[in-house]
PDB file of all heavy atoms in Angstrom:
ATOM      1  N   ALA A   1       7.567 -61.630 -22.421  1.00  0.00           N
ATOM      2  CA  ALA A   1       6.526 -60.556 -22.208  1.00  0.00           C
ATOM      3  C   ALA A   1       7.201 -59.206 -21.983  1.00  0.00           C
ATOM      4  O   ALA A   1       6.730 -58.160 -22.469  1.00  0.00           O
ATOM      5  CB  ALA A   1       5.653 -60.945 -21.025  1.00  0.00           C
ATOM      6  N   VAL A   2       8.273 -59.185 -21.209  1.00  0.00           N
ATOM      7  CA  VAL A   2       8.986 -57.928 -20.943  1.00  0.00           C
ATOM      8  C   VAL A   2       9.583 -57.409 -22.226  1.00  0.00           C
ATOM      9  O   VAL A   2       9.531 -56.189 -22.505  1.00  0.00           O
ATOM     10  CB  VAL A   2      10.082 -58.144 -19.890  1.00  0.00           C
ATOM     11  CG1 VAL A   2      10.984 -56.911 -19.763  1.00  0.00           C
ATOM     12  CG2 VAL A   2       9.466 -58.464 -18.515  1.00  0.00           C
ATOM     13  N   ALA A   3      10.130 -58.277 -23.035  1.00  0.00           N
ATOM     14  CA  ALA A   3      10.716 -57.893 -24.347  1.00  0.00           C
ATOM     15  C   ALA A   3       9.645 -57.271 -25.258  1.00  0.00           C
ATOM     16  O   ALA A   3       9.888 -56.257 -25.901  1.00  0.00           O
ATOM     17  CB  ALA A   3      11.355 -59.081 -25.029  1.00  0.00           C
ATOM     18  N   VAL A   4       8.448 -57.893 -25.269  1.00  0.00           N
ATOM     19  CA  VAL A   4       7.355 -57.351 -26.080  1.00  0.00           C
ATOM     20  C   VAL A   4       6.925 -55.990 -25.523  1.00  0.00           C
ATOM     21  O   VAL A   4       6.659 -55.072 -26.296  1.00  0.00           O
ATOM     22  CB  VAL A   4       6.171 -58.334 -26.061  1.00  0.00           C
ATOM     23  CG1 VAL A   4       4.904 -57.690 -26.666  1.00  0.00           C
ATOM     24  CG2 VAL A   4       6.529 -59.597 -26.869  1.00  0.00           C
ATOM     25  N   ALA A   5       6.873 -55.864 -24.201  1.00  0.00           N
ATOM     26  CA  ALA A   5       6.478 -54.585 -23.567  1.00  0.00           C
ATOM     27  C   ALA A   5       7.464 -53.500 -23.943  1.00  0.00           C
ATOM     28  O   ALA A   5       7.088 -52.320 -24.090  1.00  0.00           O
ATOM     29  CB  ALA A   5       6.392 -54.748 -22.088  1.00  0.00           C
ATOM     30  N   LEU A   6       8.751 -53.855 -24.103  1.00  0.00           N
ATOM     31  CA  LEU A   6       9.788 -52.917 -24.491  1.00  0.00           C
ATOM     32  C   LEU A   6       9.901 -52.760 -26.004  1.00  0.00           C
ATOM     33  O   LEU A   6      10.803 -52.095 -26.535  1.00  0.00           O
ATOM     34  CB  LEU A   6      11.165 -53.360 -23.905  1.00  0.00           C
ATOM     35  CG  LEU A   6      11.243 -53.390 -22.394  1.00  0.00           C
ATOM     36  CD1 LEU A   6      12.564 -53.950 -21.935  1.00  0.00           C
ATOM     37  CD2 LEU A   6      11.051 -51.991 -21.812  1.00  0.00           C
ATOM     38  N   GLN A   7       9.001 -53.457 -26.738  1.00  0.00           N
ATOM     39  CA  GLN A   7       8.920 -53.405 -28.210  1.00  0.00           C
ATOM     40  C   GLN A   7      10.255 -53.903 -28.846  1.00  0.00           C
ATOM     41  O   GLN A   7      10.749 -53.339 -29.830  1.00  0.00           O
ATOM     42  CB  GLN A   7       8.601 -51.987 -28.688  1.00  0.00           C
ATOM     43  CG  GLN A   7       7.241 -51.513 -28.193  1.00  0.00           C
ATOM     44  CD  GLN A   7       6.883 -50.134 -28.743  1.00  0.00           C
ATOM     45  OE1 GLN A   7       7.731 -49.378 -29.196  1.00  0.00           O
ATOM     46  NE2 GLN A   7       5.588 -49.822 -28.700  1.00  0.00           N
ATOM     47  N   LEU A   8      10.738 -54.979 -28.311  1.00  0.00           N
ATOM     48  CA  LEU A   8      11.960 -55.625 -28.806  1.00  0.00           C
ATOM     49  C   LEU A   8      11.588 -56.783 -29.722  1.00  0.00           C
ATOM     50  O   LEU A   8      10.662 -57.522 -29.426  1.00  0.00           O
ATOM     51  CB  LEU A   8      12.849 -56.122 -27.656  1.00  0.00           C
ATOM     52  CG  LEU A   8      13.352 -55.068 -26.691  1.00  0.00           C
ATOM     53  CD1 LEU A   8      14.152 -55.736 -25.584  1.00  0.00           C
ATOM     54  CD2 LEU A   8      14.226 -54.010 -27.395  1.00  0.00           C
ATOM     55  N   GLU A   9      12.307 -56.962 -30.792  1.00  0.00           N
ATOM     56  CA  GLU A   9      12.084 -58.071 -31.734  1.00  0.00           C
ATOM     57  C   GLU A   9      12.711 -59.326 -31.107  1.00  0.00           C
ATOM     58  O   GLU A   9      13.849 -59.299 -30.640  1.00  0.00           O
ATOM     59  CB  GLU A   9      12.728 -57.779 -33.075  1.00  0.00           C
ATOM     60  CG  GLU A   9      12.747 -58.945 -34.005  1.00  0.00           C
ATOM     61  CD  GLU A   9      11.369 -59.468 -34.397  1.00  0.00           C
ATOM     62  OE1 GLU A   9      10.424 -58.643 -34.459  1.00  0.00           O
ATOM     63  OE2 GLU A   9      11.250 -60.667 -34.574  1.00  0.00           O
ATOM     64  N   LEU A  10      11.971 -60.440 -31.127  1.00  0.00           N
ATOM     65  CA  LEU A  10      12.470 -61.680 -30.518  1.00  0.00           C
ATOM     66  C   LEU A  10      12.878 -62.740 -31.547  1.00  0.00           C
ATOM     67  O   LEU A  10      13.832 -63.500 -31.304  1.00  0.00           O
ATOM     68  CB  LEU A  10      11.377 -62.263 -29.604  1.00  0.00           C
ATOM     69  CG  LEU A  10      11.077 -61.500 -28.306  1.00  0.00           C
ATOM     70  CD1 LEU A  10       9.908 -62.113 -27.626  1.00  0.00           C
ATOM     71  CD2 LEU A  10      12.314 -61.508 -27.402  1.00  0.00           C
ATOM     72  N   ASN A  11      12.190 -62.805 -32.642  1.00  0.00           N
ATOM     73  CA  ASN A  11      12.477 -63.895 -33.586  1.00  0.00           C
ATOM     74  C   ASN A  11      13.860 -63.782 -34.237  1.00  0.00           C
ATOM     75  O   ASN A  11      14.576 -64.778 -34.306  1.00  0.00           O
ATOM     76  CB  ASN A  11      11.371 -63.879 -34.708  1.00  0.00           C
ATOM     77  CG  ASN A  11      10.020 -64.270 -34.181  1.00  0.00           C
ATOM     78  OD1 ASN A  11       9.828 -65.340 -33.610  1.00  0.00           O
ATOM     79  ND2 ASN A  11       9.057 -63.362 -34.292  1.00  0.00           N
ATOM     80  N   GLU A  12      14.205 -62.600 -34.723  1.00  0.00           N
ATOM     81  CA  GLU A  12      15.467 -62.430 -35.415  1.00  0.00           C
ATOM     82  C   GLU A  12      16.705 -62.661 -34.540  1.00  0.00           C
ATOM     83  O   GLU A  12      17.598 -63.390 -34.914  1.00  0.00           O
ATOM     84  CB  GLU A  12      15.547 -61.025 -36.039  1.00  0.00           C
ATOM     85  CG  GLU A  12      16.708 -60.818 -36.954  1.00  0.00           C
ATOM     86  CD  GLU A  12      16.661 -59.475 -37.646  1.00  0.00           C
ATOM     87  OE1 GLU A  12      15.569 -58.902 -37.737  1.00  0.00           O
ATOM     88  OE2 GLU A  12      17.726 -59.026 -38.105  1.00  0.00           O
ATOM     89  N   PRO A  13      16.746 -62.112 -33.265  1.00  0.00           N
ATOM     90  CA  PRO A  13      17.923 -62.344 -32.455  1.00  0.00           C
ATOM     91  C   PRO A  13      18.103 -63.843 -32.081  1.00  0.00           C
ATOM     92  O   PRO A  13      19.201 -64.317 -31.836  1.00  0.00           O
ATOM     93  CB  PRO A  13      17.621 -61.546 -31.184  1.00  0.00           C
ATOM     94  CG  PRO A  13      16.705 -60.440 -31.636  1.00  0.00           C
ATOM     95  CD  PRO A  13      15.872 -61.078 -32.702  1.00  0.00           C
ATOM     96  N   LEU A  14      16.965 -64.583 -32.039  1.00  0.00           N
ATOM     97  CA  LEU A  14      17.025 -66.015 -31.705  1.00  0.00           C
ATOM     98  C   LEU A  14      17.180 -66.867 -32.979  1.00  0.00           C
ATOM     99  O   LEU A  14      17.090 -68.118 -32.874  1.00  0.00           O
ATOM    100  CB  LEU A  14      15.748 -66.401 -30.950  1.00  0.00           C
ATOM    101  CG  LEU A  14      15.560 -65.749 -29.559  1.00  0.00           C
ATOM    102  CD1 LEU A  14      14.190 -66.111 -28.993  1.00  0.00           C
ATOM    103  CD2 LEU A  14      16.682 -66.132 -28.629  1.00  0.00           C
ATOM    104  N   ASN A  15      17.306 -66.222 -34.113  1.00  0.00           N
ATOM    105  CA  ASN A  15      17.414 -66.964 -35.395  1.00  0.00           C
ATOM    106  C   ASN A  15      16.212 -67.855 -35.676  1.00  0.00           C
ATOM    107  O   ASN A  15      16.367 -68.985 -36.099  1.00  0.00           O
ATOM    108  CB  ASN A  15      18.723 -67.789 -35.427  1.00  0.00           C
ATOM    109  CG  ASN A  15      19.969 -66.921 -35.442  1.00  0.00           C
ATOM    110  OD1 ASN A  15      19.997 -65.884 -36.101  1.00  0.00           O
ATOM    111  ND2 ASN A  15      20.983 -67.310 -34.668  1.00  0.00           N
ATOM    112  N   LEU A  16      15.074 -67.340 -35.389  1.00  0.00           N
ATOM    113  CA  LEU A  16      13.816 -68.062 -35.580  1.00  0.00           C
ATOM    114  C   LEU A  16      13.079 -67.516 -36.784  1.00  0.00           C
ATOM    115  O   LEU A  16      13.194 -66.306 -37.090  1.00  0.00           O
ATOM    116  CB  LEU A  16      12.942 -67.996 -34.337  1.00  0.00           C
ATOM    117  CG  LEU A  16      13.477 -68.596 -33.026  1.00  0.00           C
ATOM    118  CD1 LEU A  16      12.565 -68.239 -31.873  1.00  0.00           C
ATOM    119  CD2 LEU A  16      13.633 -70.074 -33.193  1.00  0.00           C
ATOM    120  N   PRO A  17      12.346 -68.333 -37.485  1.00  0.00           N
ATOM    121  CA  PRO A  17      11.503 -67.839 -38.580  1.00  0.00           C
ATOM    122  C   PRO A  17      10.523 -66.790 -38.079  1.00  0.00           C
ATOM    123  O   PRO A  17      10.196 -66.729 -36.904  1.00  0.00           O
ATOM    124  CB  PRO A  17      10.779 -69.106 -39.081  1.00  0.00           C
ATOM    125  CG  PRO A  17      11.641 -70.251 -38.599  1.00  0.00           C
ATOM    126  CD  PRO A  17      12.253 -69.812 -37.323  1.00  0.00           C
ATOM    127  N   SER A  18      10.043 -65.978 -38.980  1.00  0.00           N
ATOM    128  CA  SER A  18       9.127 -64.915 -38.646  1.00  0.00           C
ATOM    129  C   SER A  18       7.865 -65.460 -37.970  1.00  0.00           C
ATOM    130  O   SER A  18       7.351 -66.529 -38.343  1.00  0.00           O
ATOM    131  CB  SER A  18       8.691 -64.172 -39.921  1.00  0.00           C
ATOM    132  OG  SER A  18       7.766 -63.178 -39.607  1.00  0.00           O
ATOM    133  N   ASN A  19       7.424 -64.772 -36.900  1.00  0.00           N
ATOM    134  CA  ASN A  19       6.193 -65.106 -36.112  1.00  0.00           C
ATOM    135  C   ASN A  19       6.282 -66.379 -35.318  1.00  0.00           C
ATOM    136  O   ASN A  19       5.262 -66.882 -34.851  1.00  0.00           O
ATOM    137  CB  ASN A  19       4.966 -65.203 -37.046  1.00  0.00           C
ATOM    138  CG  ASN A  19       4.617 -63.854 -37.629  1.00  0.00           C
ATOM    139  OD1 ASN A  19       4.752 -62.827 -36.991  1.00  0.00           O
ATOM    140  ND2 ASN A  19       4.162 -63.863 -38.883  1.00  0.00           N
ATOM    141  N   THR A  20       7.512 -66.971 -35.115  1.00  0.00           N
ATOM    142  CA  THR A  20       7.624 -68.178 -34.339  1.00  0.00           C
ATOM    143  C   THR A  20       7.244 -67.988 -32.921  1.00  0.00           C
ATOM    144  O   THR A  20       6.490 -68.800 -32.330  1.00  0.00           O
ATOM    145  CB  THR A  20       9.082 -68.734 -34.426  1.00  0.00           C
ATOM    146  OG1 THR A  20       9.430 -69.011 -35.797  1.00  0.00           O
ATOM    147  CG2 THR A  20       9.215 -70.017 -33.616  1.00  0.00           C
ATOM    148  N   VAL A  21       7.774 -66.933 -32.306  1.00  0.00           N
ATOM    149  CA  VAL A  21       7.478 -66.652 -30.893  1.00  0.00           C
ATOM    150  C   VAL A  21       5.955 -66.382 -30.726  1.00  0.00           C
ATOM    151  O   VAL A  21       5.351 -66.905 -29.769  1.00  0.00           O
ATOM    152  CB  VAL A  21       8.265 -65.430 -30.375  1.00  0.00           C
ATOM    153  CG1 VAL A  21       7.751 -64.970 -29.033  1.00  0.00           C
ATOM    154  CG2 VAL A  21       9.732 -65.723 -30.340  1.00  0.00           C
ATOM    155  N   GLU A  22       5.361 -65.671 -31.639  1.00  0.00           N
ATOM    156  CA  GLU A  22       3.916 -65.400 -31.563  1.00  0.00           C
ATOM    157  C   GLU A  22       3.119 -66.668 -31.677  1.00  0.00           C
ATOM    158  O   GLU A  22       2.099 -66.829 -30.999  1.00  0.00           O
ATOM    159  CB  GLU A  22       3.525 -64.415 -32.662  1.00  0.00           C
ATOM    160  CG  GLU A  22       4.046 -62.980 -32.493  1.00  0.00           C
ATOM    161  CD  GLU A  22       5.515 -62.838 -32.883  1.00  0.00           C
ATOM    162  OE1 GLU A  22       6.115 -63.822 -33.379  1.00  0.00           O
ATOM    163  OE2 GLU A  22       6.070 -61.780 -32.621  1.00  0.00           O
ATOM    164  N   THR A  23       3.538 -67.591 -32.554  1.00  0.00           N
ATOM    165  CA  THR A  23       2.825 -68.862 -32.678  1.00  0.00           C
ATOM    166  C   THR A  23       2.953 -69.707 -31.437  1.00  0.00           C
ATOM    167  O   THR A  23       1.969 -70.328 -31.004  1.00  0.00           O
ATOM    168  CB  THR A  23       3.393 -69.652 -33.895  1.00  0.00           C
ATOM    169  OG1 THR A  23       3.266 -68.846 -35.063  1.00  0.00           O
ATOM    170  CG2 THR A  23       2.625 -70.959 -34.085  1.00  0.00           C
ATOM    171  N   ILE A  24       4.123 -69.734 -30.845  1.00  0.00           N
ATOM    172  CA  ILE A  24       4.324 -70.467 -29.586  1.00  0.00           C
ATOM    173  C   ILE A  24       3.437 -69.863 -28.495  1.00  0.00           C
ATOM    174  O   ILE A  24       2.775 -70.591 -27.732  1.00  0.00           O
ATOM    175  CB  ILE A  24       5.813 -70.399 -29.161  1.00  0.00           C
ATOM    176  CG1 ILE A  24       6.678 -71.205 -30.171  1.00  0.00           C
ATOM    177  CG2 ILE A  24       5.981 -70.989 -27.736  1.00  0.00           C
ATOM    178  CD1 ILE A  24       8.167 -71.081 -29.917  1.00  0.00           C
ATOM    179  N   ALA A  25       3.409 -68.549 -28.421  1.00  0.00           N
ATOM    180  CA  ALA A  25       2.591 -67.885 -27.404  1.00  0.00           C
ATOM    181  C   ALA A  25       1.105 -68.192 -27.598  1.00  0.00           C
ATOM    182  O   ALA A  25       0.348 -68.443 -26.634  1.00  0.00           O
ATOM    183  CB  ALA A  25       2.795 -66.365 -27.442  1.00  0.00           C
ATOM    184  N   ALA A  26       0.654 -68.214 -28.855  1.00  0.00           N
ATOM    185  CA  ALA A  26      -0.755 -68.541 -29.132  1.00  0.00           C
ATOM    186  C   ALA A  26      -1.071 -69.995 -28.764  1.00  0.00           C
ATOM    187  O   ALA A  26      -2.141 -70.263 -28.199  1.00  0.00           O
ATOM    188  CB  ALA A  26      -1.048 -68.310 -30.648  1.00  0.00           C
ATOM    189  N   THR A  27      -0.115 -70.889 -29.036  1.00  0.00           N
ATOM    190  CA  THR A  27      -0.335 -72.296 -28.660  1.00  0.00           C
ATOM    191  C   THR A  27      -0.407 -72.446 -27.163  1.00  0.00           C
ATOM    192  O   THR A  27      -1.268 -73.194 -26.645  1.00  0.00           O
ATOM    193  CB  THR A  27       0.860 -73.151 -29.189  1.00  0.00           C
ATOM    194  OG1 THR A  27       0.965 -72.975 -30.604  1.00  0.00           O
ATOM    195  CG2 THR A  27       0.632 -74.600 -28.895  1.00  0.00           C
ATOM    196  N   VAL A  28       0.430 -71.750 -26.443  1.00  0.00           N
ATOM    197  CA  VAL A  28       0.431 -71.800 -24.959  1.00  0.00           C
ATOM    198  C   VAL A  28      -0.916 -71.303 -24.439  1.00  0.00           C
ATOM    199  O   VAL A  28      -1.504 -71.866 -23.524  1.00  0.00           O
ATOM    200  CB  VAL A  28       1.590 -70.971 -24.389  1.00  0.00           C
ATOM    201  CG1 VAL A  28       1.408 -70.774 -22.872  1.00  0.00           C
ATOM    202  CG2 VAL A  28       2.925 -71.641 -24.677  1.00  0.00           C
ATOM    203  N   THR A  29      -1.432 -70.196 -25.017  1.00  0.00           N
ATOM    204  CA  THR A  29      -2.738 -69.651 -24.584  1.00  0.00           C
ATOM    205  C   THR A  29      -3.852 -70.647 -24.820  1.00  0.00           C
ATOM    206  O   THR A  29      -4.712 -70.831 -23.963  1.00  0.00           O
ATOM    207  CB  THR A  29      -3.039 -68.364 -25.357  1.00  0.00           C
ATOM    208  OG1 THR A  29      -1.959 -67.443 -25.233  1.00  0.00           O
ATOM    209  CG2 THR A  29      -4.306 -67.706 -24.819  1.00  0.00           C
ATOM    210  N   PHE A  30      -3.846 -71.334 -25.966  1.00  0.00           N
ATOM    211  CA  PHE A  30      -4.850 -72.330 -26.250  1.00  0.00           C
ATOM    212  C   PHE A  30      -4.795 -73.464 -25.228  1.00  0.00           C
ATOM    213  O   PHE A  30      -5.832 -73.897 -24.720  1.00  0.00           O
ATOM    214  CB  PHE A  30      -4.644 -72.895 -27.653  1.00  0.00           C
ATOM    215  CG  PHE A  30      -5.754 -73.838 -28.087  1.00  0.00           C
ATOM    216  CD1 PHE A  30      -6.940 -73.333 -28.586  1.00  0.00           C
ATOM    217  CD2 PHE A  30      -5.596 -75.213 -27.981  1.00  0.00           C
ATOM    218  CE1 PHE A  30      -7.963 -74.204 -28.959  1.00  0.00           C
ATOM    219  CE2 PHE A  30      -6.572 -76.079 -28.348  1.00  0.00           C
ATOM    220  CZ  PHE A  30      -7.779 -75.571 -28.872  1.00  0.00           C
ATOM    221  N   LEU A  31      -3.574 -73.924 -24.857  1.00  0.00           N
ATOM    222  CA  LEU A  31      -3.428 -74.954 -23.856  1.00  0.00           C
ATOM    223  C   LEU A  31      -3.918 -74.472 -22.486  1.00  0.00           C
ATOM    224  O   LEU A  31      -4.555 -75.227 -21.744  1.00  0.00           O
ATOM    225  CB  LEU A  31      -1.958 -75.378 -23.765  1.00  0.00           C
ATOM    226  CG  LEU A  31      -1.400 -76.147 -24.952  1.00  0.00           C
ATOM    227  CD1 LEU A  31       0.081 -76.391 -24.814  1.00  0.00           C
ATOM    228  CD2 LEU A  31      -2.151 -77.462 -25.187  1.00  0.00           C
ATOM    229  N   ILE A  32      -3.656 -73.220 -22.179  1.00  0.00           N
ATOM    230  CA  ILE A  32      -4.138 -72.648 -20.880  1.00  0.00           C
ATOM    231  C   ILE A  32      -5.654 -72.691 -20.823  1.00  0.00           C
ATOM    232  O   ILE A  32      -6.243 -73.041 -19.821  1.00  0.00           O
ATOM    233  CB  ILE A  32      -3.610 -71.199 -20.744  1.00  0.00           C
ATOM    234  CG1 ILE A  32      -2.148 -71.190 -20.444  1.00  0.00           C
ATOM    235  CG2 ILE A  32      -4.402 -70.442 -19.637  1.00  0.00           C
ATOM    236  CD1 ILE A  32      -1.532 -69.790 -20.459  1.00  0.00           C
ATOM    237  N   LEU A  33      -6.299 -72.350 -21.947  1.00  0.00           N
ATOM    238  CA  LEU A  33      -7.783 -72.361 -21.958  1.00  0.00           C
ATOM    239  C   LEU A  33      -8.371 -73.734 -21.914  1.00  0.00           C
ATOM    240  O   LEU A  33      -9.438 -73.972 -21.350  1.00  0.00           O
ATOM    241  CB  LEU A  33      -8.253 -71.588 -23.246  1.00  0.00           C
ATOM    242  CG  LEU A  33      -7.857 -70.122 -23.273  1.00  0.00           C
ATOM    243  CD1 LEU A  33      -8.359 -69.468 -24.557  1.00  0.00           C
ATOM    244  CD2 LEU A  33      -8.428 -69.398 -22.060  1.00  0.00           C
ATOM    245  N   VAL A  34      -7.654 -74.720 -22.495  1.00  0.00           N
ATOM    246  CA  VAL A  34      -8.117 -76.094 -22.362  1.00  0.00           C
ATOM    247  C   VAL A  34      -7.993 -76.577 -20.883  1.00  0.00           C
ATOM    248  O   VAL A  34      -8.916 -77.230 -20.394  1.00  0.00           O
ATOM    249  CB  VAL A  34      -7.274 -77.043 -23.277  1.00  0.00           C
ATOM    250  CG1 VAL A  34      -7.574 -78.510 -23.000  1.00  0.00           C
ATOM    251  CG2 VAL A  34      -7.535 -76.726 -24.742  1.00  0.00           C
ATOM    252  N   LEU A  35      -6.913 -76.213 -20.251  1.00  0.00           N
ATOM    253  CA  LEU A  35      -6.766 -76.542 -18.829  1.00  0.00           C
ATOM    254  C   LEU A  35      -7.815 -75.871 -18.000  1.00  0.00           C
ATOM    255  O   LEU A  35      -8.374 -76.444 -17.057  1.00  0.00           O
ATOM    256  CB  LEU A  35      -5.349 -76.142 -18.356  1.00  0.00           C
ATOM    257  CG  LEU A  35      -4.193 -76.964 -18.923  1.00  0.00           C
ATOM    258  CD1 LEU A  35      -2.842 -76.279 -18.552  1.00  0.00           C
ATOM    259  CD2 LEU A  35      -4.229 -78.385 -18.399  1.00  0.00           C
ATOM    260  N   TRP A  36      -8.103 -74.582 -18.320  1.00  0.00           N
ATOM    261  CA  TRP A  36      -9.154 -73.844 -17.602  1.00  0.00           C
ATOM    262  C   TRP A  36     -10.482 -74.537 -17.762  1.00  0.00           C
ATOM    263  O   TRP A  36     -11.263 -74.622 -16.798  1.00  0.00           O
ATOM    264  CB  TRP A  36      -9.239 -72.434 -18.174  1.00  0.00           C
ATOM    265  CG  TRP A  36     -10.370 -71.604 -17.610  1.00  0.00           C
ATOM    266  CD1 TRP A  36     -10.594 -71.281 -16.319  1.00  0.00           C
ATOM    267  CD2 TRP A  36     -11.463 -71.070 -18.337  1.00  0.00           C
ATOM    268  NE1 TRP A  36     -11.720 -70.513 -16.197  1.00  0.00           N
ATOM    269  CE2 TRP A  36     -12.275 -70.360 -17.417  1.00  0.00           C
ATOM    270  CE3 TRP A  36     -11.819 -71.049 -19.694  1.00  0.00           C
ATOM    271  CZ2 TRP A  36     -13.425 -69.705 -17.820  1.00  0.00           C
ATOM    272  CZ3 TRP A  36     -12.952 -70.371 -20.094  1.00  0.00           C
ATOM    273  CH2 TRP A  36     -13.746 -69.696 -19.120  1.00  0.00           C
ATOM    274  N   ALA A  37     -10.764 -75.041 -18.944  1.00  0.00           N
ATOM    275  CA  ALA A  37     -12.065 -75.692 -19.204  1.00  0.00           C
ATOM    276  C   ALA A  37     -12.275 -76.911 -18.332  1.00  0.00           C
ATOM    277  O   ALA A  37     -13.395 -77.221 -17.887  1.00  0.00           O
ATOM    278  CB  ALA A  37     -12.171 -76.082 -20.652  1.00  0.00           C
ATOM    279  N   PHE A  38     -11.178 -77.630 -18.005  1.00  0.00           N
ATOM    280  CA  PHE A  38     -11.318 -78.891 -17.275  1.00  0.00           C
ATOM    281  C   PHE A  38     -10.961 -78.776 -15.786  1.00  0.00           C
ATOM    282  O   PHE A  38     -10.864 -79.789 -15.117  1.00  0.00           O
ATOM    283  CB  PHE A  38     -10.461 -79.973 -17.927  1.00  0.00           C
ATOM    284  CG  PHE A  38     -11.013 -80.430 -19.288  1.00  0.00           C
ATOM    285  CD1 PHE A  38     -10.478 -79.926 -20.453  1.00  0.00           C
ATOM    286  CD2 PHE A  38     -12.054 -81.331 -19.325  1.00  0.00           C
ATOM    287  CE1 PHE A  38     -11.011 -80.339 -21.690  1.00  0.00           C
ATOM    288  CE2 PHE A  38     -12.601 -81.715 -20.522  1.00  0.00           C
ATOM    289  CZ  PHE A  38     -12.060 -81.219 -21.703  1.00  0.00           C
ATOM    290  N   THR A  39     -10.774 -77.527 -15.308  1.00  0.00           N
ATOM    291  CA  THR A  39     -10.582 -77.397 -13.854  1.00  0.00           C
ATOM    292  C   THR A  39     -11.856 -76.944 -13.152  1.00  0.00           C
ATOM    293  O   THR A  39     -11.816 -76.647 -11.975  1.00  0.00           O
ATOM    294  CB  THR A  39      -9.472 -76.372 -13.532  1.00  0.00           C
ATOM    295  OG1 THR A  39      -9.721 -75.145 -14.276  1.00  0.00           O
ATOM    296  CG2 THR A  39      -8.122 -76.896 -13.926  1.00  0.00           C
TER     297      THR A  39
END
């Protein structure tokens, strides 16, 4: 999150395919909302 706030690219330095970090973040958000639904 700090890297994104500083407008730093994350995928390329980590040798990850394009949009990998964004996909992981989206998946985490979906899991958070599922947990929210059942609490």
